């Protein structure tokens, strides 16, 4: 019984902390420049287009451009994997990227 009470107390303390954490996701899609290829921004910004569950194309803009210009500045890169935290800012889908790589065939 004492162990059960300790378990319940620890869960009560840690669950609120876990609720505030942002979940890291990996998205697969097509990388391109949001300015040059999509005309969605005023300056060059990395973007990833992903097909949503309903078949619509969703565009995620990077919050910071990582040193991965070869995936975005030279047209389009299919089958790109982007890992990061997704958020919505000013009605736009954004991703805070932590890793970018091409999907292995």
PDB file of N, CA and C in Angstrom:
ATOM      1  N   UNK A   1       0.812  -1.192   0.000  1.00  0.00           N
ATOM      2  CA  UNK A   1       0.000   0.000   0.000  1.00  0.00           C
ATOM      3  C   UNK A   1       0.859   1.262   0.000  1.00  0.00           C
ATOM      4  N   UNK A   2       1.950   1.211   0.768  1.00  0.00           N
ATOM      5  CA  UNK A   2       2.847   2.362   0.845  1.00  0.00           C
ATOM      6  C   UNK A   2       3.489   2.629  -0.520  1.00  0.00           C
ATOM      7  N   UNK A   3       3.867   1.548  -1.230  1.00  0.00           N
ATOM      8  CA  UNK A   3       4.474   1.706  -2.557  1.00  0.00           C
ATOM      9  C   UNK A   3       3.476   2.313  -3.542  1.00  0.00           C
ATOM     10  N   UNK A   4       2.228   1.923  -3.428  1.00  0.00           N
ATOM     11  CA  UNK A   4       1.188   2.453  -4.292  1.00  0.00           C
ATOM     12  C   UNK A   4       1.015   3.948  -4.057  1.00  0.00           C
ATOM     13  N   UNK A   5       1.040   4.380  -2.826  1.00  0.00           N
ATOM     14  CA  UNK A   5       0.897   5.796  -2.490  1.00  0.00           C
ATOM     15  C   UNK A   5       2.083   6.603  -3.031  1.00  0.00           C
ATOM     16  N   UNK A   6       3.277   6.030  -2.944  1.00  0.00           N
ATOM     17  CA  UNK A   6       4.464   6.704  -3.478  1.00  0.00           C
ATOM     18  C   UNK A   6       4.353   6.835  -4.992  1.00  0.00           C
ATOM     19  N   UNK A   7       3.885   5.796  -5.656  1.00  0.00           N
ATOM     20  CA  UNK A   7       3.698   5.823  -7.098  1.00  0.00           C
ATOM     21  C   UNK A   7       2.679   6.891  -7.503  1.00  0.00           C
ATOM     22  N   UNK A   8       1.568   6.953  -6.812  1.00  0.00           N
ATOM     23  CA  UNK A   8       0.536   7.941  -7.110  1.00  0.00           C
ATOM     24  C   UNK A   8       1.061   9.358  -6.877  1.00  0.00           C
ATOM     25  N   UNK A   9       1.802   9.549  -5.813  1.00  0.00           N
ATOM     26  CA  UNK A   9       2.358  10.872  -5.513  1.00  0.00           C
ATOM     27  C   UNK A   9       3.360  11.296  -6.585  1.00  0.00           C
ATOM     28  N   UNK A  10       4.212  10.366  -7.034  1.00  0.00           N
ATOM     29  CA  UNK A  10       5.187  10.731  -8.070  1.00  0.00           C
ATOM     30  C   UNK A  10       4.517  11.028  -9.389  1.00  0.00           C
ATOM     31  N   UNK A  11       3.478  10.289  -9.739  1.00  0.00           N
ATOM     32  CA  UNK A  11       2.747  10.576 -10.969  1.00  0.00           C
ATOM     33  C   UNK A  11       2.065  11.936 -10.890  1.00  0.00           C
ATOM     34  N   UNK A  12       1.512  12.260  -9.743  1.00  0.00           N
ATOM     35  CA  UNK A  12       0.836  13.547  -9.571  1.00  0.00           C
ATOM     36  C   UNK A  12       1.815  14.706  -9.752  1.00  0.00           C
ATOM     37  N   UNK A  13       3.062  14.500  -9.385  1.00  0.00           N
ATOM     38  CA  UNK A  13       4.063  15.552  -9.529  1.00  0.00           C
ATOM     39  C   UNK A  13       4.643  15.632 -10.934  1.00  0.00           C
ATOM     40  N   UNK A  14       4.775  14.517 -11.630  1.00  0.00           N
ATOM     41  CA  UNK A  14       5.437  14.517 -12.936  1.00  0.00           C
ATOM     42  C   UNK A  14       4.497  14.730 -14.113  1.00  0.00           C
ATOM     43  N   UNK A  15       3.240  14.340 -14.009  1.00  0.00           N
ATOM     44  CA  UNK A  15       2.320  14.488 -15.134  1.00  0.00           C
ATOM     45  C   UNK A  15       2.141  15.936 -15.578  1.00  0.00           C
ATOM     46  N   UNK A  16       1.982  16.908 -14.663  1.00  0.00           N
ATOM     47  CA  UNK A  16       1.874  18.295 -15.136  1.00  0.00           C
ATOM     48  C   UNK A  16       3.130  18.764 -15.870  1.00  0.00           C
ATOM     49  N   UNK A  17       4.284  18.299 -15.473  1.00  0.00           N
ATOM     50  CA  UNK A  17       5.523  18.669 -16.149  1.00  0.00           C
ATOM     51  C   UNK A  17       5.566  18.088 -17.560  1.00  0.00           C
ATOM     52  N   UNK A  18       5.109  16.849 -17.692  1.00  0.00           N
ATOM     53  CA  UNK A  18       5.122  16.191 -18.997  1.00  0.00           C
ATOM     54  C   UNK A  18       4.116  16.827 -19.947  1.00  0.00           C
ATOM     55  N   UNK A  19       3.024  17.352 -19.438  1.00  0.00           N
ATOM     56  CA  UNK A  19       1.990  17.947 -20.290  1.00  0.00           C
ATOM     57  C   UNK A  19       2.511  19.185 -20.997  1.00  0.00           C
ATOM     58  N   UNK A  20       3.443  19.908 -20.388  1.00  0.00           N
ATOM     59  CA  UNK A  20       3.973  21.120 -20.996  1.00  0.00           C
ATOM     60  C   UNK A  20       5.048  20.865 -22.036  1.00  0.00           C
ATOM     61  N   UNK A  21       5.569  19.649 -22.111  1.00  0.00           N
ATOM     62  CA  UNK A  21       6.632  19.333 -23.054  1.00  0.00           C
ATOM     63  C   UNK A  21       6.085  19.253 -24.473  1.00  0.00           C
ATOM     64  N   UNK A  22       6.850  19.742 -25.416  1.00  0.00           N
ATOM     65  CA  UNK A  22       6.470  19.649 -26.823  1.00  0.00           C
ATOM     66  C   UNK A  22       6.958  18.315 -27.359  1.00  0.00           C
ATOM     67  N   UNK A  23       6.149  17.708 -28.203  1.00  0.00           N
ATOM     68  CA  UNK A  23       6.482  16.394 -28.740  1.00  0.00           C
ATOM     69  C   UNK A  23       7.287  16.544 -30.030  1.00  0.00           C
ATOM     70  N   UNK A  24       8.382  15.834 -30.122  1.00  0.00           N
ATOM     71  CA  UNK A  24       9.198  15.821 -31.330  1.00  0.00           C
ATOM     72  C   UNK A  24       8.595  14.825 -32.321  1.00  0.00           C
ATOM     73  N   UNK A  25       8.453  15.261 -33.565  1.00  0.00           N
ATOM     74  CA  UNK A  25       7.877  14.414 -34.608  1.00  0.00           C
ATOM     75  C   UNK A  25       8.836  14.343 -35.786  1.00  0.00           C
ATOM     76  N   UNK A  26       8.650  13.339 -36.620  1.00  0.00           N
ATOM     77  CA  UNK A  26       9.387  13.238 -37.880  1.00  0.00           C
ATOM     78  C   UNK A  26       8.367  13.255 -39.007  1.00  0.00           C
ATOM     79  N   UNK A  27       8.519  14.230 -39.912  1.00  0.00           N
ATOM     80  CA  UNK A  27       7.620  14.375 -41.049  1.00  0.00           C
ATOM     81  C   UNK A  27       8.345  13.973 -42.318  1.00  0.00           C
ATOM     82  N   UNK A  28       7.624  13.364 -43.240  1.00  0.00           N
ATOM     83  CA  UNK A  28       8.194  12.998 -44.539  1.00  0.00           C
ATOM     84  C   UNK A  28       7.456  13.777 -45.615  1.00  0.00           C
ATOM     85  N   UNK A  29       8.227  14.412 -46.498  1.00  0.00           N
ATOM     86  CA  UNK A  29       7.597  15.180 -47.554  1.00  0.00           C
ATOM     87  C   UNK A  29       8.606  15.698 -48.556  1.00  0.00           C
ATOM     88  N   UNK A  30       8.251  16.812 -49.193  1.00  0.00           N
ATOM     89  CA  UNK A  30       9.086  17.420 -50.219  1.00  0.00           C
ATOM     90  C   UNK A  30       9.627  18.744 -49.693  1.00  0.00           C
ATOM     91  N   UNK A  31      10.947  18.872 -49.693  1.00  0.00           N
ATOM     92  CA  UNK A  31      11.597  20.096 -49.243  1.00  0.00           C
ATOM     93  C   UNK A  31      11.768  21.065 -50.395  1.00  0.00           C
ATOM     94  N   UNK A  32      11.525  22.354 -50.115  1.00  0.00           N
ATOM     95  CA  UNK A  32      11.676  23.389 -51.130  1.00  0.00           C
ATOM     96  C   UNK A  32      11.767  24.752 -50.460  1.00  0.00           C
ATOM     97  N   UNK A  33      12.029  25.767 -51.256  1.00  0.00           N
ATOM     98  CA  UNK A  33      12.116  27.138 -50.761  1.00  0.00           C
ATOM     99  C   UNK A  33      10.712  27.746 -50.766  1.00  0.00           C
ATOM    100  N   UNK A  34      10.308  28.322 -49.636  1.00  0.00           N
ATOM    101  CA  UNK A  34       8.968  28.908 -49.527  1.00  0.00           C
ATOM    102  C   UNK A  34       8.833  30.173 -50.365  1.00  0.00           C
ATOM    103  N   UNK A  35       9.941  30.835 -50.669  1.00  0.00           N
ATOM    104  CA  UNK A  35       9.884  32.043 -51.501  1.00  0.00           C
ATOM    105  C   UNK A  35       9.982  31.684 -52.986  1.00  0.00           C
ATOM    106  N   UNK A  36      11.044  30.997 -53.361  1.00  0.00           N
ATOM    107  CA  UNK A  36      11.327  30.740 -54.783  1.00  0.00           C
ATOM    108  C   UNK A  36      10.380  29.717 -55.415  1.00  0.00           C
ATOM    109  N   UNK A  37      10.054  28.659 -54.683  1.00  0.00           N
ATOM    110  CA  UNK A  37       9.223  27.589 -55.251  1.00  0.00           C
ATOM    111  C   UNK A  37       7.736  27.762 -54.955  1.00  0.00           C
ATOM    112  N   UNK A  38       7.416  28.330 -53.793  1.00  0.00           N
ATOM    113  CA  UNK A  38       6.014  28.385 -53.365  1.00  0.00           C
ATOM    114  C   UNK A  38       5.406  29.783 -53.346  1.00  0.00           C
ATOM    115  N   UNK A  39       6.238  30.811 -53.395  1.00  0.00           N
ATOM    116  CA  UNK A  39       5.784  32.214 -53.313  1.00  0.00           C
ATOM    117  C   UNK A  39       4.937  32.458 -52.060  1.00  0.00           C
ATOM    118  N   UNK A  40       5.340  31.869 -50.934  1.00  0.00           N
ATOM    119  CA  UNK A  40       4.593  32.019 -49.686  1.00  0.00           C
ATOM    120  C   UNK A  40       5.248  32.989 -48.711  1.00  0.00           C
ATOM    121  N   UNK A  41       6.523  33.328 -48.928  1.00  0.00           N
ATOM    122  CA  UNK A  41       7.222  34.240 -48.025  1.00  0.00           C
ATOM    123  C   UNK A  41       7.965  35.296 -48.831  1.00  0.00           C
ATOM    124  N   UNK A  42       8.381  36.356 -48.149  1.00  0.00           N
ATOM    125  CA  UNK A  42       9.113  37.436 -48.807  1.00  0.00           C
ATOM    126  C   UNK A  42      10.608  37.158 -48.904  1.00  0.00           C
ATOM    127  N   UNK A  43      11.110  36.262 -48.063  1.00  0.00           N
ATOM    128  CA  UNK A  43      12.532  35.912 -48.113  1.00  0.00           C
ATOM    129  C   UNK A  43      12.664  34.396 -48.165  1.00  0.00           C
ATOM    130  N   UNK A  44      13.826  33.932 -48.572  1.00  0.00           N
ATOM    131  CA  UNK A  44      14.056  32.492 -48.691  1.00  0.00           C
ATOM    132  C   UNK A  44      13.897  31.828 -47.321  1.00  0.00           C
ATOM    133  N   UNK A  45      13.032  30.847 -47.266  1.00  0.00           N
ATOM    134  CA  UNK A  45      12.734  30.118 -46.043  1.00  0.00           C
ATOM    135  C   UNK A  45      12.547  28.654 -46.408  1.00  0.00           C
ATOM    136  N   UNK A  46      13.184  27.777 -45.649  1.00  0.00           N
ATOM    137  CA  UNK A  46      13.003  26.346 -45.884  1.00  0.00           C
ATOM    138  C   UNK A  46      11.569  25.951 -45.593  1.00  0.00           C
ATOM    139  N   UNK A  47      11.019  25.081 -46.442  1.00  0.00           N
ATOM    140  CA  UNK A  47       9.646  24.609 -46.256  1.00  0.00           C
ATOM    141  C   UNK A  47       9.578  23.119 -46.571  1.00  0.00           C
ATOM    142  N   UNK A  48       8.632  22.455 -45.939  1.00  0.00           N
ATOM    143  CA  UNK A  48       8.394  21.034 -46.180  1.00  0.00           C
ATOM    144  C   UNK A  48       6.913  20.864 -46.480  1.00  0.00           C
ATOM    145  N   UNK A  49       6.609  20.265 -47.635  1.00  0.00           N
ATOM    146  CA  UNK A  49       5.223  19.974 -47.983  1.00  0.00           C
ATOM    147  C   UNK A  49       4.942  18.507 -47.705  1.00  0.00           C
ATOM    148  N   UNK A  50       3.853  18.267 -46.964  1.00  0.00           N
ATOM    149  CA  UNK A  50       3.469  16.940 -46.506  1.00  0.00           C
ATOM    150  C   UNK A  50       2.013  16.718 -46.863  1.00  0.00           C
ATOM    151  N   UNK A  51       1.681  15.496 -47.294  1.00  0.00           N
ATOM    152  CA  UNK A  51       0.277  15.168 -47.524  1.00  0.00           C
ATOM    153  C   UNK A  51      -0.370  14.841 -46.192  1.00  0.00           C
ATOM    154  N   UNK A  52      -1.480  15.533 -45.901  1.00  0.00           N
ATOM    155  CA  UNK A  52      -2.214  15.298 -44.664  1.00  0.00           C
ATOM    156  C   UNK A  52      -3.058  14.041 -44.752  1.00  0.00           C
ATOM    157  N   UNK A  53      -3.710  13.711 -43.652  1.00  0.00           N
ATOM    158  CA  UNK A  53      -4.550  12.512 -43.593  1.00  0.00           C
ATOM    159  C   UNK A  53      -5.707  12.584 -44.581  1.00  0.00           C
ATOM    160  N   UNK A  54      -6.177  13.817 -44.857  1.00  0.00           N
ATOM    161  CA  UNK A  54      -7.302  13.991 -45.781  1.00  0.00           C
ATOM    162  C   UNK A  54      -6.853  14.162 -47.229  1.00  0.00           C
ATOM    163  N   UNK A  55      -5.539  14.026 -47.478  1.00  0.00           N
ATOM    164  CA  UNK A  55      -5.018  14.137 -48.829  1.00  0.00           C
ATOM    165  C   UNK A  55      -4.594  15.549 -49.211  1.00  0.00           C
ATOM    166  N   UNK A  56      -4.920  16.543 -48.378  1.00  0.00           N
ATOM    167  CA  UNK A  56      -4.512  17.920 -48.652  1.00  0.00           C
ATOM    168  C   UNK A  56      -3.019  18.082 -48.383  1.00  0.00           C
ATOM    169  N   UNK A  57      -2.386  18.967 -49.145  1.00  0.00           N
ATOM    170  CA  UNK A  57      -0.970  19.239 -48.953  1.00  0.00           C
ATOM    171  C   UNK A  57      -0.817  20.298 -47.861  1.00  0.00           C
ATOM    172  N   UNK A  58      -0.041  19.971 -46.835  1.00  0.00           N
ATOM    173  CA  UNK A  58       0.250  20.895 -45.741  1.00  0.00           C
ATOM    174  C   UNK A  58       1.668  21.406 -45.901  1.00  0.00           C
ATOM    175  N   UNK A  59       1.861  22.709 -45.719  1.00  0.00           N
ATOM    176  CA  UNK A  59       3.188  23.306 -45.839  1.00  0.00           C
ATOM    177  C   UNK A  59       3.670  23.736 -44.460  1.00  0.00           C
ATOM    178  N   UNK A  60       4.811  23.200 -44.047  1.00  0.00           N
ATOM    179  CA  UNK A  60       5.442  23.553 -42.782  1.00  0.00           C
ATOM    180  C   UNK A  60       6.626  24.459 -43.092  1.00  0.00           C
ATOM    181  N   UNK A  61       6.635  25.664 -42.523  1.00  0.00           N
ATOM    182  CA  UNK A  61       7.753  26.576 -42.674  1.00  0.00           C
ATOM    183  C   UNK A  61       8.727  26.366 -41.528  1.00  0.00           C
ATOM    184  N   UNK A  62      10.003  26.405 -41.826  1.00  0.00           N
ATOM    185  CA  UNK A  62      11.022  26.232 -40.787  1.00  0.00           C
ATOM    186  C   UNK A  62      11.132  27.524 -39.981  1.00  0.00           C
ATOM    187  N   UNK A  63      11.269  27.399 -38.667  1.00  0.00           N
ATOM    188  CA  UNK A  63      11.458  28.576 -37.825  1.00  0.00           C
ATOM    189  C   UNK A  63      12.870  29.118 -37.975  1.00  0.00           C
ATOM    190  N   UNK A  64      13.778  28.260 -38.364  1.00  0.00           N
ATOM    191  CA  UNK A  64      15.166  28.667 -38.617  1.00  0.00           C
ATOM    192  C   UNK A  64      15.703  27.815 -39.760  1.00  0.00           C
ATOM    193  N   UNK A  65      16.412  28.465 -40.660  1.00  0.00           N
ATOM    194  CA  UNK A  65      16.981  27.735 -41.785  1.00  0.00           C
ATOM    195  C   UNK A  65      18.264  27.059 -41.340  1.00  0.00           C
ATOM    196  N   UNK A  66      18.270  25.763 -41.422  1.00  0.00           N
ATOM    197  CA  UNK A  66      19.461  24.999 -41.065  1.00  0.00           C
ATOM    198  C   UNK A  66      20.392  24.962 -42.273  1.00  0.00           C
ATOM    199  N   UNK A  67      21.589  24.529 -42.071  1.00  0.00           N
ATOM    200  CA  UNK A  67      22.576  24.448 -43.149  1.00  0.00           C
ATOM    201  C   UNK A  67      22.293  23.231 -44.036  1.00  0.00           C
ATOM    202  N   UNK A  68      21.141  23.230 -44.666  1.00  0.00           N
ATOM    203  CA  UNK A  68      20.746  22.131 -45.540  1.00  0.00           C
ATOM    204  C   UNK A  68      20.251  22.700 -46.865  1.00  0.00           C
ATOM    205  N   UNK A  69      20.955  23.694 -47.383  1.00  0.00           N
ATOM    206  CA  UNK A  69      20.537  24.363 -48.608  1.00  0.00           C
ATOM    207  C   UNK A  69      20.369  23.434 -49.791  1.00  0.00           C
ATOM    208  N   UNK A  70      21.137  22.347 -49.819  1.00  0.00           N
ATOM    209  CA  UNK A  70      21.041  21.435 -50.962  1.00  0.00           C
ATOM    210  C   UNK A  70      19.660  20.795 -51.063  1.00  0.00           C
ATOM    211  N   UNK A  71      18.920  20.730 -49.955  1.00  0.00           N
ATOM    212  CA  UNK A  71      17.582  20.137 -49.984  1.00  0.00           C
ATOM    213  C   UNK A  71      16.510  21.139 -50.390  1.00  0.00           C
ATOM    214  N   UNK A  72      16.758  22.424 -50.207  1.00  0.00           N
ATOM    215  CA  UNK A  72      15.722  23.421 -50.371  1.00  0.00           C
ATOM    216  C   UNK A  72      15.987  24.430 -51.486  1.00  0.00           C
ATOM    217  N   UNK A  73      17.224  24.794 -51.717  1.00  0.00           N
ATOM    218  CA  UNK A  73      17.549  25.889 -52.632  1.00  0.00           C
ATOM    219  C   UNK A  73      17.707  25.453 -54.090  1.00  0.00           C
ATOM    220  N   UNK A  74      17.783  24.201 -54.351  1.00  0.00           N
ATOM    221  CA  UNK A  74      18.023  23.717 -55.711  1.00  0.00           C
ATOM    222  C   UNK A  74      16.762  23.119 -56.317  1.00  0.00           C
ATOM    223  N   UNK A  75      15.619  23.695 -56.033  1.00  0.00           N
ATOM    224  CA  UNK A  75      14.366  23.139 -56.542  1.00  0.00           C
ATOM    225  C   UNK A  75      13.679  22.343 -55.455  1.00  0.00           C
ATOM    226  N   UNK A  76      13.333  21.103 -55.742  1.00  0.00           N
ATOM    227  CA  UNK A  76      12.607  20.264 -54.793  1.00  0.00           C
ATOM    228  C   UNK A  76      13.414  19.023 -54.442  1.00  0.00           C
ATOM    229  N   UNK A  77      13.263  18.561 -53.209  1.00  0.00           N
ATOM    230  CA  UNK A  77      13.862  17.300 -52.780  1.00  0.00           C
ATOM    231  C   UNK A  77      12.738  16.414 -52.258  1.00  0.00           C
ATOM    232  N   UNK A  78      12.448  15.348 -52.985  1.00  0.00           N
ATOM    233  CA  UNK A  78      11.406  14.390 -52.584  1.00  0.00           C
ATOM    234  C   UNK A  78      11.927  13.503 -51.455  1.00  0.00           C
ATOM    235  N   UNK A  79      11.009  12.893 -50.727  1.00  0.00           N
ATOM    236  CA  UNK A  79      11.323  11.920 -49.670  1.00  0.00           C
ATOM    237  C   UNK A  79      12.318  12.463 -48.642  1.00  0.00           C
ATOM    238  N   UNK A  80      12.018  13.642 -48.144  1.00  0.00           N
ATOM    239  CA  UNK A  80      12.865  14.274 -47.141  1.00  0.00           C
ATOM    240  C   UNK A  80      12.265  14.032 -45.763  1.00  0.00           C
ATOM    241  N   UNK A  81      13.103  13.680 -44.812  1.00  0.00           N
ATOM    242  CA  UNK A  81      12.669  13.459 -43.429  1.00  0.00           C
ATOM    243  C   UNK A  81      13.131  14.639 -42.578  1.00  0.00           C
ATOM    244  N   UNK A  82      12.193  15.287 -41.911  1.00  0.00           N
ATOM    245  CA  UNK A  82      12.506  16.415 -41.046  1.00  0.00           C
ATOM    246  C   UNK A  82      11.999  16.086 -39.646  1.00  0.00           C
ATOM    247  N   UNK A  83      12.897  16.154 -38.689  1.00  0.00           N
ATOM    248  CA  UNK A  83      12.552  15.903 -37.294  1.00  0.00           C
ATOM    249  C   UNK A  83      12.562  17.233 -36.554  1.00  0.00           C
ATOM    250  N   UNK A  84      11.542  17.451 -35.735  1.00  0.00           N
ATOM    251  CA  UNK A  84      11.469  18.684 -34.965  1.00  0.00           C
ATOM    252  C   UNK A  84      10.158  18.801 -34.221  1.00  0.00           C
ATOM    253  N   UNK A  85       9.926  19.971 -33.665  1.00  0.00           N
ATOM    254  CA  UNK A  85       8.714  20.258 -32.906  1.00  0.00           C
ATOM    255  C   UNK A  85       7.812  21.130 -33.763  1.00  0.00           C
ATOM    256  N   UNK A  86       6.561  20.697 -33.922  1.00  0.00           N
ATOM    257  CA  UNK A  86       5.598  21.418 -34.753  1.00  0.00           C
ATOM    258  C   UNK A  86       4.804  22.385 -33.884  1.00  0.00           C
ATOM    259  N   UNK A  87       4.555  23.574 -34.437  1.00  0.00           N
ATOM    260  CA  UNK A  87       3.708  24.549 -33.752  1.00  0.00           C
ATOM    261  C   UNK A  87       2.968  25.365 -34.801  1.00  0.00           C
ATOM    262  N   UNK A  88       1.968  26.104 -34.353  1.00  0.00           N
ATOM    263  CA  UNK A  88       1.214  26.966 -35.244  1.00  0.00           C
ATOM    264  C   UNK A  88       1.488  28.400 -34.823  1.00  0.00           C
ATOM    265  N   UNK A  89       1.856  29.237 -35.795  1.00  0.00           N
ATOM    266  CA  UNK A  89       2.212  30.621 -35.503  1.00  0.00           C
ATOM    267  C   UNK A  89       1.566  31.519 -36.547  1.00  0.00           C
ATOM    268  N   UNK A  90       0.746  32.455 -36.118  1.00  0.00           N
ATOM    269  CA  UNK A  90       0.032  33.361 -37.028  1.00  0.00           C
ATOM    270  C   UNK A  90      -0.754  32.598 -38.088  1.00  0.00           C
ATOM    271  N   UNK A  91      -1.338  31.475 -37.708  1.00  0.00           N
ATOM    272  CA  UNK A  91      -2.141  30.675 -38.626  1.00  0.00           C
ATOM    273  C   UNK A  91      -1.342  29.812 -39.587  1.00  0.00           C
ATOM    274  N   UNK A  92      -0.017  29.814 -39.454  1.00  0.00           N
ATOM    275  CA  UNK A  92       0.848  29.013 -40.336  1.00  0.00           C
ATOM    276  C   UNK A  92       1.432  27.841 -39.554  1.00  0.00           C
ATOM    277  N   UNK A  93       1.589  26.708 -40.238  1.00  0.00           N
ATOM    278  CA  UNK A  93       2.253  25.563 -39.634  1.00  0.00           C
ATOM    279  C   UNK A  93       3.754  25.804 -39.659  1.00  0.00           C
ATOM    280  N   UNK A  94       4.393  25.627 -38.525  1.00  0.00           N
ATOM    281  CA  UNK A  94       5.830  25.855 -38.392  1.00  0.00           C
ATOM    282  C   UNK A  94       6.465  24.605 -37.798  1.00  0.00           C
ATOM    283  N   UNK A  95       7.736  24.409 -38.108  1.00  0.00           N
ATOM    284  CA  UNK A  95       8.495  23.327 -37.478  1.00  0.00           C
ATOM    285  C   UNK A  95       9.833  23.882 -37.012  1.00  0.00           C
ATOM    286  N   UNK A  96      10.173  23.569 -35.769  1.00  0.00           N
ATOM    287  CA  UNK A  96      11.481  23.913 -35.210  1.00  0.00           C
ATOM    288  C   UNK A  96      12.352  22.696 -35.480  1.00  0.00           C
ATOM    289  N   UNK A  97      13.178  22.746 -36.534  1.00  0.00           N
ATOM    290  CA  UNK A  97      13.897  21.539 -36.968  1.00  0.00           C
ATOM    291  C   UNK A  97      15.084  21.194 -36.079  1.00  0.00           C
ATOM    292  N   UNK A  98      15.265  19.901 -35.882  1.00  0.00           N
ATOM    293  CA  UNK A  98      16.462  19.433 -35.173  1.00  0.00           C
ATOM    294  C   UNK A  98      17.315  18.543 -36.072  1.00  0.00           C
ATOM    295  N   UNK A  99      16.696  17.964 -37.131  1.00  0.00           N
ATOM    296  CA  UNK A  99      17.442  17.116 -38.067  1.00  0.00           C
ATOM    297  C   UNK A  99      16.729  17.087 -39.416  1.00  0.00           C
ATOM    298  N   UNK A 100      17.532  17.051 -40.473  1.00  0.00           N
ATOM    299  CA  UNK A 100      17.015  16.957 -41.845  1.00  0.00           C
ATOM    300  C   UNK A 100      17.871  15.947 -42.587  1.00  0.00           C
ATOM    301  N   UNK A 101      17.208  14.985 -43.253  1.00  0.00           N
ATOM    302  CA  UNK A 101      17.968  14.021 -44.054  1.00  0.00           C
ATOM    303  C   UNK A 101      17.052  13.426 -45.118  1.00  0.00           C
ATOM    304  N   UNK A 102      17.682  12.882 -46.152  1.00  0.00           N
ATOM    305  CA  UNK A 102      16.922  12.198 -47.194  1.00  0.00           C
ATOM    306  C   UNK A 102      16.582  10.796 -46.706  1.00  0.00           C
ATOM    307  N   UNK A 103      15.383  10.344 -47.066  1.00  0.00           N
ATOM    308  CA  UNK A 103      14.949   9.007 -46.692  1.00  0.00           C
ATOM    309  C   UNK A 103      15.756   7.980 -47.487  1.00  0.00           C
ATOM    310  N   UNK A 104      16.222   6.956 -46.788  1.00  0.00           N
ATOM    311  CA  UNK A 104      16.982   5.901 -47.456  1.00  0.00           C
ATOM    312  C   UNK A 104      16.023   5.018 -48.235  1.00  0.00           C
ATOM    313  N   UNK A 105      16.403   4.671 -49.441  1.00  0.00           N
ATOM    314  CA  UNK A 105      15.533   3.846 -50.293  1.00  0.00           C
ATOM    315  C   UNK A 105      15.541   2.404 -49.903  1.00  0.00           C
TER     316      UNK A 105
END
